[in-house]
Amino acid sequence: YLPPTPIDDLGWCLGGVINLTPVELACQLGQTVFAETKAGYDTYL
C-alpha cells in the first residue's frame, strides 16, 4: 500500500501489522484493557 519509510538509526520501517492487536503487551501494561474484536483477514490480498 505505502512504501517503507527510513528512520534514523532504525533503517527502513514499515507497518504495525507485525503485531496489529498487541493484547499481550496491553495486559502487561495495564490493570484494565479495552481491545476490540477484529474481522478475519481476506485470503486473496
ModelCIF file with pLDDT and N, C-alpha, C, O atoms, coordinates in Angstrom:
data_MODEL
#
_entry.id   MODEL 
#
_entity.id                         1 
_entity.type                       polymer 
_entity.pdbx_number_of_molecules   1 
#
_entity_poly.entity_id                      1 
_entity_poly.type                           'polypeptide(L)' 
_entity_poly.nstd_linkage                   no 
_entity_poly.nstd_monomer                   no 
_entity_poly.pdbx_seq_one_letter_code       YLPPTPIDDLGWCLGGVINLTPVELACQLGQTVFAETKAGYDTYL 
_entity_poly.pdbx_seq_one_letter_code_can   YLPPTPIDDLGWCLGGVINLTPVELACQLGQTVFAETKAGYDTYL 
_entity_poly.pdbx_strand_id                 A 
#
loop_
_entity_poly_seq.entity_id 
_entity_poly_seq.num 
_entity_poly_seq.mon_id 
_entity_poly_seq.hetero 
1 1  TYR n 
1 2  LEU n 
1 3  PRO n 
1 4  PRO n 
1 5  THR n 
1 6  PRO n 
1 7  ILE n 
1 8  ASP n 
1 9  ASP n 
1 10 LEU n 
1 11 GLY n 
1 12 TRP n 
1 13 CYS n 
1 14 LEU n 
1 15 GLY n 
1 16 GLY n 
1 17 VAL n 
1 18 ILE n 
1 19 ASN n 
1 20 LEU n 
1 21 THR n 
1 22 PRO n 
1 23 VAL n 
1 24 GLU n 
1 25 LEU n 
1 26 ALA n 
1 27 CYS n 
1 28 GLN n 
1 29 LEU n 
1 30 GLY n 
1 31 GLN n 
1 32 THR n 
1 33 VAL n 
1 34 PHE n 
1 35 ALA n 
1 36 GLU n 
1 37 THR n 
1 38 LYS n 
1 39 ALA n 
1 40 GLY n 
1 41 TYR n 
1 42 ASP n 
1 43 THR n 
1 44 TYR n 
1 45 LEU n 
#
_struct_asym.id          A 
_struct_asym.entity_id   1 
#
loop_
_ma_qa_metric.id 
_ma_qa_metric.mode 
_ma_qa_metric.name 
_ma_qa_metric.software_group_id 
_ma_qa_metric.type 
1 global pLDDT . pLDDT 
2 local  pLDDT . pLDDT 
#
_ma_qa_metric_global.metric_id      1 
_ma_qa_metric_global.metric_value   93.22 
_ma_qa_metric_global.model_id       1 
_ma_qa_metric_global.ordinal_id     1 
#
loop_
_ma_qa_metric_local.label_asym_id 
_ma_qa_metric_local.label_comp_id 
_ma_qa_metric_local.label_seq_id 
_ma_qa_metric_local.metric_id 
_ma_qa_metric_local.metric_value 
_ma_qa_metric_local.model_id 
_ma_qa_metric_local.ordinal_id 
A TYR 1  2 89.00 1 1  
A LEU 2  2 94.00 1 2  
A PRO 3  2 94.00 1 3  
A PRO 4  2 95.00 1 4  
A THR 5  2 96.00 1 5  
A PRO 6  2 96.00 1 6  
A ILE 7  2 97.00 1 7  
A ASP 8  2 95.00 1 8  
A ASP 9  2 95.00 1 9  
A LEU 10 2 97.00 1 10 
A GLY 11 2 96.00 1 11 
A TRP 12 2 97.00 1 12 
A CYS 13 2 97.00 1 13 
A LEU 14 2 95.00 1 14 
A GLY 15 2 94.00 1 15 
A GLY 16 2 95.00 1 16 
A VAL 17 2 95.00 1 17 
A ILE 18 2 96.00 1 18 
A ASN 19 2 97.00 1 19 
A LEU 20 2 96.00 1 20 
A THR 21 2 96.00 1 21 
A PRO 22 2 96.00 1 22 
A VAL 23 2 96.00 1 23 
A GLU 24 2 93.00 1 24 
A LEU 25 2 93.00 1 25 
A ALA 26 2 94.00 1 26 
A CYS 27 2 92.00 1 27 
A GLN 28 2 89.00 1 28 
A LEU 29 2 91.00 1 29 
A GLY 30 2 93.00 1 30 
A GLN 31 2 94.00 1 31 
A THR 32 2 97.00 1 32 
A VAL 33 2 97.00 1 33 
A PHE 34 2 98.00 1 34 
A ALA 35 2 98.00 1 35 
A GLU 36 2 97.00 1 36 
A THR 37 2 96.00 1 37 
A LYS 38 2 95.00 1 38 
A ALA 39 2 93.00 1 39 
A GLY 40 2 91.00 1 40 
A TYR 41 2 88.00 1 41 
A ASP 42 2 81.00 1 42 
A THR 43 2 79.00 1 43 
A TYR 44 2 75.00 1 44 
A LEU 45 2 77.00 1 45 
#
loop_
_atom_site.group_PDB 
_atom_site.id 
_atom_site.type_symbol 
_atom_site.label_atom_id 
_atom_site.label_alt_id 
_atom_site.label_comp_id 
_atom_site.label_asym_id 
_atom_site.label_entity_id 
_atom_site.label_seq_id 
_atom_site.pdbx_PDB_ins_code 
_atom_site.Cartn_x 
_atom_site.Cartn_y 
_atom_site.Cartn_z 
_atom_site.occupancy 
_atom_site.B_iso_or_equiv 
_atom_site.pdbx_formal_charge 
_atom_site.auth_seq_id 
_atom_site.auth_comp_id 
_atom_site.auth_asym_id 
_atom_site.auth_atom_id 
_atom_site.pdbx_PDB_model_num 
ATOM 1   N N  . TYR A 1 1  ? 0.843   -1.191  0.000  1.00 89.00 ? 1  TYR A N  1 
ATOM 2   C CA . TYR A 1 1  ? 0.000   0.000   0.000  1.00 89.00 ? 1  TYR A CA 1 
ATOM 3   C C  . TYR A 1 1  ? 0.879   1.243   0.000  1.00 89.00 ? 1  TYR A C  1 
ATOM 4   O O  . TYR A 1 1  ? 0.898   1.998   -0.972 1.00 89.00 ? 1  TYR A O  1 
ATOM 5   N N  . LEU A 1 2  ? 1.608   1.452   1.095  1.00 94.00 ? 2  LEU A N  1 
ATOM 6   C CA . LEU A 1 2  ? 2.561   2.557   1.180  1.00 94.00 ? 2  LEU A CA 1 
ATOM 7   C C  . LEU A 1 2  ? 3.971   1.997   1.236  1.00 94.00 ? 2  LEU A C  1 
ATOM 8   O O  . LEU A 1 2  ? 4.190   0.957   1.858  1.00 94.00 ? 2  LEU A O  1 
ATOM 9   N N  . PRO A 1 3  ? 4.933   2.656   0.604  1.00 94.00 ? 3  PRO A N  1 
ATOM 10  C CA . PRO A 1 3  ? 6.310   2.158   0.664  1.00 94.00 ? 3  PRO A CA 1 
ATOM 11  C C  . PRO A 1 3  ? 6.896   2.321   2.063  1.00 94.00 ? 3  PRO A C  1 
ATOM 12  O O  . PRO A 1 3  ? 6.423   3.156   2.834  1.00 94.00 ? 3  PRO A O  1 
ATOM 13  N N  . PRO A 1 4  ? 7.916   1.539   2.398  1.00 95.00 ? 4  PRO A N  1 
ATOM 14  C CA . PRO A 1 4  ? 8.602   1.725   3.684  1.00 95.00 ? 4  PRO A CA 1 
ATOM 15  C C  . PRO A 1 4  ? 9.168   3.134   3.792  1.00 95.00 ? 4  PRO A C  1 
ATOM 16  O O  . PRO A 1 4  ? 9.373   3.812   2.785  1.00 95.00 ? 4  PRO A O  1 
ATOM 17  N N  . THR A 1 5  ? 9.418   3.566   5.021  1.00 96.00 ? 5  THR A N  1 
ATOM 18  C CA . THR A 1 5  ? 9.967   4.903   5.255  1.00 96.00 ? 5  THR A CA 1 
ATOM 19  C C  . THR A 1 5  ? 11.250  4.783   6.065  1.00 96.00 ? 5  THR A C  1 
ATOM 20  O O  . THR A 1 5  ? 11.314  3.974   6.990  1.00 96.00 ? 5  THR A O  1 
ATOM 21  N N  . PRO A 1 6  ? 12.272  5.566   5.742  1.00 96.00 ? 6  PRO A N  1 
ATOM 22  C CA . PRO A 1 6  ? 13.523  5.475   6.504  1.00 96.00 ? 6  PRO A CA 1 
ATOM 23  C C  . PRO A 1 6  ? 13.453  6.291   7.795  1.00 96.00 ? 6  PRO A C  1 
ATOM 24  O O  . PRO A 1 6  ? 12.936  7.408   7.799  1.00 96.00 ? 6  PRO A O  1 
ATOM 25  N N  . ILE A 1 7  ? 13.966  5.738   8.873  1.00 97.00 ? 7  ILE A N  1 
ATOM 26  C CA . ILE A 1 7  ? 14.071  6.432   10.154 1.00 97.00 ? 7  ILE A CA 1 
ATOM 27  C C  . ILE A 1 7  ? 15.502  6.281   10.650 1.00 97.00 ? 7  ILE A C  1 
ATOM 28  O O  . ILE A 1 7  ? 16.060  5.184   10.634 1.00 97.00 ? 7  ILE A O  1 
ATOM 29  N N  . ASP A 1 8  ? 16.088  7.379   11.088 1.00 95.00 ? 8  ASP A N  1 
ATOM 30  C CA . ASP A 1 8  ? 17.473  7.369   11.561 1.00 95.00 ? 8  ASP A CA 1 
ATOM 31  C C  . ASP A 1 8  ? 17.663  6.302   12.627 1.00 95.00 ? 8  ASP A C  1 
ATOM 32  O O  . ASP A 1 8  ? 16.836  6.149   13.526 1.00 95.00 ? 8  ASP A O  1 
ATOM 33  N N  . ASP A 1 9  ? 18.756  5.573   12.515 1.00 95.00 ? 9  ASP A N  1 
ATOM 34  C CA . ASP A 1 9  ? 19.178  4.536   13.462 1.00 95.00 ? 9  ASP A CA 1 
ATOM 35  C C  . ASP A 1 9  ? 18.315  3.278   13.421 1.00 95.00 ? 9  ASP A C  1 
ATOM 36  O O  . ASP A 1 9  ? 18.621  2.298   14.100 1.00 95.00 ? 9  ASP A O  1 
ATOM 37  N N  . LEU A 1 10 ? 17.241  3.295   12.634 1.00 97.00 ? 10 LEU A N  1 
ATOM 38  C CA . LEU A 1 10 ? 16.392  2.110   12.519 1.00 97.00 ? 10 LEU A CA 1 
ATOM 39  C C  . LEU A 1 10 ? 16.397  1.518   11.122 1.00 97.00 ? 10 LEU A C  1 
ATOM 40  O O  . LEU A 1 10 ? 16.168  0.321   10.950 1.00 97.00 ? 10 LEU A O  1 
ATOM 41  N N  . GLY A 1 11 ? 16.657  2.349   10.126 1.00 96.00 ? 11 GLY A N  1 
ATOM 42  C CA . GLY A 1 11 ? 16.634  1.873   8.750  1.00 96.00 ? 11 GLY A CA 1 
ATOM 43  C C  . GLY A 1 11 ? 15.248  1.974   8.148  1.00 96.00 ? 11 GLY A C  1 
ATOM 44  O O  . GLY A 1 11 ? 14.473  2.866   8.494  1.00 96.00 ? 11 GLY A O  1 
ATOM 45  N N  . TRP A 1 12 ? 14.938  1.053   7.244  1.00 97.00 ? 12 TRP A N  1 
ATOM 46  C CA . TRP A 1 12 ? 13.647  1.074   6.554  1.00 97.00 ? 12 TRP A CA 1 
ATOM 47  C C  . TRP A 1 12 ? 12.567  0.486   7.452  1.00 97.00 ? 12 TRP A C  1 
ATOM 48  O O  . TRP A 1 12 ? 12.679  -0.643  7.930  1.00 97.00 ? 12 TRP A O  1 
ATOM 49  N N  . CYS A 1 13 ? 11.522  1.276   7.670  1.00 97.00 ? 13 CYS A N  1 
ATOM 50  C CA . CYS A 1 13 ? 10.469  0.885   8.613  1.00 97.00 ? 13 CYS A CA 1 
ATOM 51  C C  . CYS A 1 13 ? 9.142   0.728   7.881  1.00 97.00 ? 13 CYS A C  1 
ATOM 52  O O  . CYS A 1 13 ? 8.851   1.441   6.921  1.00 97.00 ? 13 CYS A O  1 
ATOM 53  N N  . LEU A 1 14 ? 8.358   -0.211  8.355  1.00 95.00 ? 14 LEU A N  1 
ATOM 54  C CA . LEU A 1 14 ? 7.059   -0.456  7.756  1.00 95.00 ? 14 LEU A CA 1 
ATOM 55  C C  . LEU A 1 14 ? 6.038   -0.780  8.839  1.00 95.00 ? 14 LEU A C  1 
ATOM 56  O O  . LEU A 1 14 ? 6.258   -0.478  10.011 1.00 95.00 ? 14 LEU A O  1 
ATOM 57  N N  . GLY A 1 15 ? 4.914   -1.399  8.449  1.00 94.00 ? 15 GLY A N  1 
ATOM 58  C CA . GLY A 1 15 ? 3.696   -1.327  9.217  1.00 94.00 ? 15 GLY A CA 1 
ATOM 59  C C  . GLY A 1 15 ? 3.621   -2.013  10.559 1.00 94.00 ? 15 GLY A C  1 
ATOM 60  O O  . GLY A 1 15 ? 4.418   -2.890  10.893 1.00 94.00 ? 15 GLY A O  1 
ATOM 61  N N  . GLY A 1 16 ? 2.615   -1.572  11.326 1.00 95.00 ? 16 GLY A N  1 
ATOM 62  C CA . GLY A 1 16 ? 2.309   -2.148  12.618 1.00 95.00 ? 16 GLY A CA 1 
ATOM 63  C C  . GLY A 1 16 ? 1.574   -3.471  12.525 1.00 95.00 ? 16 GLY A C  1 
ATOM 64  O O  . GLY A 1 16 ? 1.216   -4.046  13.553 1.00 95.00 ? 16 GLY A O  1 
ATOM 65  N N  . VAL A 1 17 ? 1.340   -3.968  11.313 1.00 95.00 ? 17 VAL A N  1 
ATOM 66  C CA . VAL A 1 17 ? 0.651   -5.244  11.139 1.00 95.00 ? 17 VAL A CA 1 
ATOM 67  C C  . VAL A 1 17 ? 1.460   -6.396  11.726 1.00 95.00 ? 17 VAL A C  1 
ATOM 68  O O  . VAL A 1 17 ? 0.917   -7.481  11.931 1.00 95.00 ? 17 VAL A O  1 
ATOM 69  N N  . ILE A 1 18 ? 2.732   -6.185  11.998 1.00 96.00 ? 18 ILE A N  1 
ATOM 70  C CA . ILE A 1 18 ? 3.544   -7.215  12.639 1.00 96.00 ? 18 ILE A CA 1 
ATOM 71  C C  . ILE A 1 18 ? 2.954   -7.616  13.990 1.00 96.00 ? 18 ILE A C  1 
ATOM 72  O O  . ILE A 1 18 ? 3.160   -8.740  14.446 1.00 96.00 ? 18 ILE A O  1 
ATOM 73  N N  . ASN A 1 19 ? 2.225   -6.708  14.628 1.00 97.00 ? 19 ASN A N  1 
ATOM 74  C CA . ASN A 1 19 ? 1.527   -7.001  15.888 1.00 97.00 ? 19 ASN A CA 1 
ATOM 75  C C  . ASN A 1 19 ? 0.313   -6.084  15.960 1.00 97.00 ? 19 ASN A C  1 
ATOM 76  O O  . ASN A 1 19 ? 0.264   -5.151  16.763 1.00 97.00 ? 19 ASN A O  1 
ATOM 77  N N  . LEU A 1 20 ? -0.659  -6.366  15.112 1.00 96.00 ? 20 LEU A N  1 
ATOM 78  C CA . LEU A 1 20 ? -1.788  -5.458  14.921 1.00 96.00 ? 20 LEU A CA 1 
ATOM 79  C C  . LEU A 1 20 ? -2.600  -5.259  16.195 1.00 96.00 ? 20 LEU A C  1 
ATOM 80  O O  . LEU A 1 20 ? -3.036  -4.146  16.489 1.00 96.00 ? 20 LEU A O  1 
ATOM 81  N N  . THR A 1 21 ? -2.802  -6.328  16.946 1.00 96.00 ? 21 THR A N  1 
ATOM 82  C CA . THR A 1 21 ? -3.572  -6.250  18.193 1.00 96.00 ? 21 THR A CA 1 
ATOM 83  C C  . THR A 1 21 ? -2.681  -6.739  19.328 1.00 96.00 ? 21 THR A C  1 
ATOM 84  O O  . THR A 1 21 ? -2.730  -7.915  19.690 1.00 96.00 ? 21 THR A O  1 
ATOM 85  N N  . PRO A 1 22 ? -1.874  -5.855  19.890 1.00 96.00 ? 22 PRO A N  1 
ATOM 86  C CA . PRO A 1 22 ? -0.883  -6.271  20.900 1.00 96.00 ? 22 PRO A CA 1 
ATOM 87  C C  . PRO A 1 22 ? -1.506  -6.473  22.283 1.00 96.00 ? 22 PRO A C  1 
ATOM 88  O O  . PRO A 1 22 ? -1.185  -5.762  23.234 1.00 96.00 ? 22 PRO A O  1 
ATOM 89  N N  . VAL A 1 23 ? -2.390  -7.441  22.370 1.00 96.00 ? 23 VAL A N  1 
ATOM 90  C CA . VAL A 1 23 ? -3.152  -7.649  23.600 1.00 96.00 ? 23 VAL A CA 1 
ATOM 91  C C  . VAL A 1 23 ? -2.252  -8.119  24.736 1.00 96.00 ? 23 VAL A C  1 
ATOM 92  O O  . VAL A 1 23 ? -2.486  -7.773  25.894 1.00 96.00 ? 23 VAL A O  1 
ATOM 93  N N  . GLU A 1 24 ? -1.223  -8.904  24.416 1.00 93.00 ? 24 GLU A N  1 
ATOM 94  C CA . GLU A 1 24 ? -0.311  -9.367  25.464 1.00 93.00 ? 24 GLU A CA 1 
ATOM 95  C C  . GLU A 1 24 ? 0.416   -8.190  26.103 1.00 93.00 ? 24 GLU A C  1 
ATOM 96  O O  . GLU A 1 24 ? 0.520   -8.103  27.326 1.00 93.00 ? 24 GLU A O  1 
ATOM 97  N N  . LEU A 1 25 ? 0.914   -7.295  25.273 1.00 93.00 ? 25 LEU A N  1 
ATOM 98  C CA . LEU A 1 25 ? 1.593   -6.104  25.782 1.00 93.00 ? 25 LEU A CA 1 
ATOM 99  C C  . LEU A 1 25 ? 0.638   -5.257  26.610 1.00 93.00 ? 25 LEU A C  1 
ATOM 100 O O  . LEU A 1 25 ? 0.997   -4.786  27.689 1.00 93.00 ? 25 LEU A O  1 
ATOM 101 N N  . ALA A 1 26 ? -0.574  -5.063  26.107 1.00 94.00 ? 26 ALA A N  1 
ATOM 102 C CA . ALA A 1 26 ? -1.553  -4.233  26.818 1.00 94.00 ? 26 ALA A CA 1 
ATOM 103 C C  . ALA A 1 26 ? -1.851  -4.791  28.202 1.00 94.00 ? 26 ALA A C  1 
ATOM 104 O O  . ALA A 1 26 ? -1.938  -4.034  29.169 1.00 94.00 ? 26 ALA A O  1 
ATOM 105 N N  . CYS A 1 27 ? -2.009  -6.110  28.306 1.00 92.00 ? 27 CYS A N  1 
ATOM 106 C CA . CYS A 1 27 ? -2.302  -6.709  29.603 1.00 92.00 ? 27 CYS A CA 1 
ATOM 107 C C  . CYS A 1 27 ? -1.102  -6.664  30.533 1.00 92.00 ? 27 CYS A C  1 
ATOM 108 O O  . CYS A 1 27 ? -1.257  -6.719  31.753 1.00 92.00 ? 27 CYS A O  1 
ATOM 109 N N  . GLN A 1 28 ? 0.073   -6.566  29.976 1.00 89.00 ? 28 GLN A N  1 
ATOM 110 C CA . GLN A 1 28 ? 1.251   -6.409  30.822 1.00 89.00 ? 28 GLN A CA 1 
ATOM 111 C C  . GLN A 1 28 ? 1.352   -4.981  31.354 1.00 89.00 ? 28 GLN A C  1 
ATOM 112 O O  . GLN A 1 28 ? 1.888   -4.749  32.438 1.00 89.00 ? 28 GLN A O  1 
ATOM 113 N N  . LEU A 1 29 ? 0.835   -4.033  30.586 1.00 91.00 ? 29 LEU A N  1 
ATOM 114 C CA . LEU A 1 29 ? 0.967   -2.627  30.968 1.00 91.00 ? 29 LEU A CA 1 
ATOM 115 C C  . LEU A 1 29 ? -0.128  -2.147  31.903 1.00 91.00 ? 29 LEU A C  1 
ATOM 116 O O  . LEU A 1 29 ? 0.126   -1.289  32.749 1.00 91.00 ? 29 LEU A O  1 
ATOM 117 N N  . GLY A 1 30 ? -1.347  -2.677  31.775 1.00 93.00 ? 30 GLY A N  1 
ATOM 118 C CA . GLY A 1 30 ? -2.463  -2.079  32.500 1.00 93.00 ? 30 GLY A CA 1 
ATOM 119 C C  . GLY A 1 30 ? -3.325  -3.057  33.277 1.00 93.00 ? 30 GLY A C  1 
ATOM 120 O O  . GLY A 1 30 ? -3.339  -4.255  32.993 1.00 93.00 ? 30 GLY A O  1 
ATOM 121 N N  . GLN A 1 31 ? -4.043  -2.531  34.262 1.00 94.00 ? 31 GLN A N  1 
ATOM 122 C CA . GLN A 1 31 ? -4.979  -3.328  35.051 1.00 94.00 ? 31 GLN A CA 1 
ATOM 123 C C  . GLN A 1 31 ? -6.255  -3.622  34.268 1.00 94.00 ? 31 GLN A C  1 
ATOM 124 O O  . GLN A 1 31 ? -6.849  -4.691  34.415 1.00 94.00 ? 31 GLN A O  1 
ATOM 125 N N  . THR A 1 32 ? -6.672  -2.670  33.434 1.00 97.00 ? 32 THR A N  1 
ATOM 126 C CA . THR A 1 32 ? -7.872  -2.823  32.616 1.00 97.00 ? 32 THR A CA 1 
ATOM 127 C C  . THR A 1 32 ? -7.508  -2.509  31.178 1.00 97.00 ? 32 THR A C  1 
ATOM 128 O O  . THR A 1 32 ? -6.870  -1.494  30.897 1.00 97.00 ? 32 THR A O  1 
ATOM 129 N N  . VAL A 1 33 ? -7.914  -3.381  30.269 1.00 97.00 ? 33 VAL A N  1 
ATOM 130 C CA . VAL A 1 33 ? -7.560  -3.228  28.854 1.00 97.00 ? 33 VAL A CA 1 
ATOM 131 C C  . VAL A 1 33 ? -8.834  -3.214  28.019 1.00 97.00 ? 33 VAL A C  1 
ATOM 132 O O  . VAL A 1 33 ? -9.703  -4.072  28.173 1.00 97.00 ? 33 VAL A O  1 
ATOM 133 N N  . PHE A 1 34 ? -8.931  -2.233  27.138 1.00 98.00 ? 34 PHE A N  1 
ATOM 134 C CA . PHE A 1 34 ? -10.014 -2.162  26.160 1.00 98.00 ? 34 PHE A CA 1 
ATOM 135 C C  . PHE A 1 34 ? -9.423  -2.469  24.788 1.00 98.00 ? 34 PHE A C  1 
ATOM 136 O O  . PHE A 1 34 ? -8.733  -1.643  24.190 1.00 98.00 ? 34 PHE A O  1 
ATOM 137 N N  . ALA A 1 35 ? -9.709  -3.677  24.305 1.00 98.00 ? 35 ALA A N  1 
ATOM 138 C CA . ALA A 1 35 ? -9.282  -4.108  22.981 1.00 98.00 ? 35 ALA A CA 1 
ATOM 139 C C  . ALA A 1 35 ? -10.525 -4.174  22.093 1.00 98.00 ? 35 ALA A C  1 
ATOM 140 O O  . ALA A 1 35 ? -11.599 -3.726  22.494 1.00 98.00 ? 35 ALA A O  1 
ATOM 141 N N  . GLU A 1 36 ? -10.385 -4.724  20.904 1.00 97.00 ? 36 GLU A N  1 
ATOM 142 C CA . GLU A 1 36 ? -11.531 -4.828  20.003 1.00 97.00 ? 36 GLU A CA 1 
ATOM 143 C C  . GLU A 1 36 ? -11.519 -6.165  19.287 1.00 97.00 ? 36 GLU A C  1 
ATOM 144 O O  . GLU A 1 36 ? -10.456 -6.714  18.995 1.00 97.00 ? 36 GLU A O  1 
ATOM 145 N N  . THR A 1 37 ? -12.694 -6.680  19.010 1.00 96.00 ? 37 THR A N  1 
ATOM 146 C CA . THR A 1 37 ? -12.797 -7.846  18.147 1.00 96.00 ? 37 THR A CA 1 
ATOM 147 C C  . THR A 1 37 ? -12.525 -7.406  16.710 1.00 96.00 ? 37 THR A C  1 
ATOM 148 O O  . THR A 1 37 ? -12.910 -6.309  16.304 1.00 96.00 ? 37 THR A O  1 
ATOM 149 N N  . LYS A 1 38 ? -11.861 -8.267  15.949 1.00 95.00 ? 38 LYS A N  1 
ATOM 150 C CA . LYS A 1 38 ? -11.472 -7.942  14.581 1.00 95.00 ? 38 LYS A CA 1 
ATOM 151 C C  . LYS A 1 38 ? -12.055 -8.971  13.615 1.00 95.00 ? 38 LYS A C  1 
ATOM 152 O O  . LYS A 1 38 ? -12.183 -10.150 13.945 1.00 95.00 ? 38 LYS A O  1 
ATOM 153 N N  . ALA A 1 39 ? -12.402 -8.507  12.429 1.00 93.00 ? 39 ALA A N  1 
ATOM 154 C CA . ALA A 1 39 ? -12.796 -9.422  11.365 1.00 93.00 ? 39 ALA A CA 1 
ATOM 155 C C  . ALA A 1 39 ? -11.555 -10.133 10.833 1.00 93.00 ? 39 ALA A C  1 
ATOM 156 O O  . ALA A 1 39 ? -10.442 -9.627  10.968 1.00 93.00 ? 39 ALA A O  1 
ATOM 157 N N  . GLY A 1 40 ? -11.743 -11.289 10.236 1.00 91.00 ? 40 GLY A N  1 
ATOM 158 C CA . GLY A 1 40 ? -10.623 -12.028 9.677  1.00 91.00 ? 40 GLY A CA 1 
ATOM 159 C C  . GLY A 1 40 ? -10.019 -11.319 8.467  1.00 91.00 ? 40 GLY A C  1 
ATOM 160 O O  . GLY A 1 40 ? -10.675 -10.509 7.812  1.00 91.00 ? 40 GLY A O  1 
ATOM 161 N N  . TYR A 1 41 ? -8.769  -11.636 8.189  1.00 88.00 ? 41 TYR A N  1 
ATOM 162 C CA . TYR A 1 41 ? -8.084  -11.084 7.016  1.00 88.00 ? 41 TYR A CA 1 
ATOM 163 C C  . TYR A 1 41 ? -8.606  -11.776 5.757  1.00 88.00 ? 41 TYR A C  1 
ATOM 164 O O  . TYR A 1 41 ? -8.842  -12.984 5.753  1.00 88.00 ? 41 TYR A O  1 
ATOM 165 N N  . ASP A 1 42 ? -8.782  -10.996 4.696  1.00 81.00 ? 42 ASP A N  1 
ATOM 166 C CA . ASP A 1 42 ? -9.206  -11.628 3.451  1.00 81.00 ? 42 ASP A CA 1 
ATOM 167 C C  . ASP A 1 42 ? -8.074  -12.492 2.913  1.00 81.00 ? 42 ASP A C  1 
ATOM 168 O O  . ASP A 1 42 ? -6.898  -12.152 3.043  1.00 81.00 ? 42 ASP A O  1 
ATOM 169 N N  . THR A 1 43 ? -8.442  -13.600 2.314  1.00 79.00 ? 43 THR A N  1 
ATOM 170 C CA . THR A 1 43 ? -7.457  -14.601 1.893  1.00 79.00 ? 43 THR A CA 1 
ATOM 171 C C  . THR A 1 43 ? -6.953  -14.397 0.473  1.00 79.00 ? 43 THR A C  1 
ATOM 172 O O  . THR A 1 43 ? -6.189  -15.218 -0.034 1.00 79.00 ? 43 THR A O  1 
ATOM 173 N N  . TYR A 1 44 ? -7.372  -13.306 -0.180 1.00 75.00 ? 44 TYR A N  1 
ATOM 174 C CA . TYR A 1 44 ? -6.947  -13.049 -1.549 1.00 75.00 ? 44 TYR A CA 1 
ATOM 175 C C  . TYR A 1 44 ? -5.825  -12.017 -1.637 1.00 75.00 ? 44 TYR A C  1 
ATOM 176 O O  . TYR A 1 44 ? -4.911  -12.159 -2.449 1.00 75.00 ? 44 TYR A O  1 
ATOM 177 N N  . LEU A 1 45 ? -5.892  -10.974 -0.799 1.00 77.00 ? 45 LEU A N  1 
ATOM 178 C CA . LEU A 1 45 ? -4.883  -9.912  -0.879 1.00 77.00 ? 45 LEU A CA 1 
ATOM 179 C C  . LEU A 1 45 ? -4.136  -9.725  0.438  1.00 77.00 ? 45 LEU A C  1 
ATOM 180 O O  . LEU A 1 45 ? -3.256  -8.869  0.533  1.00 77.00 ? 45 LEU A O  1 
#
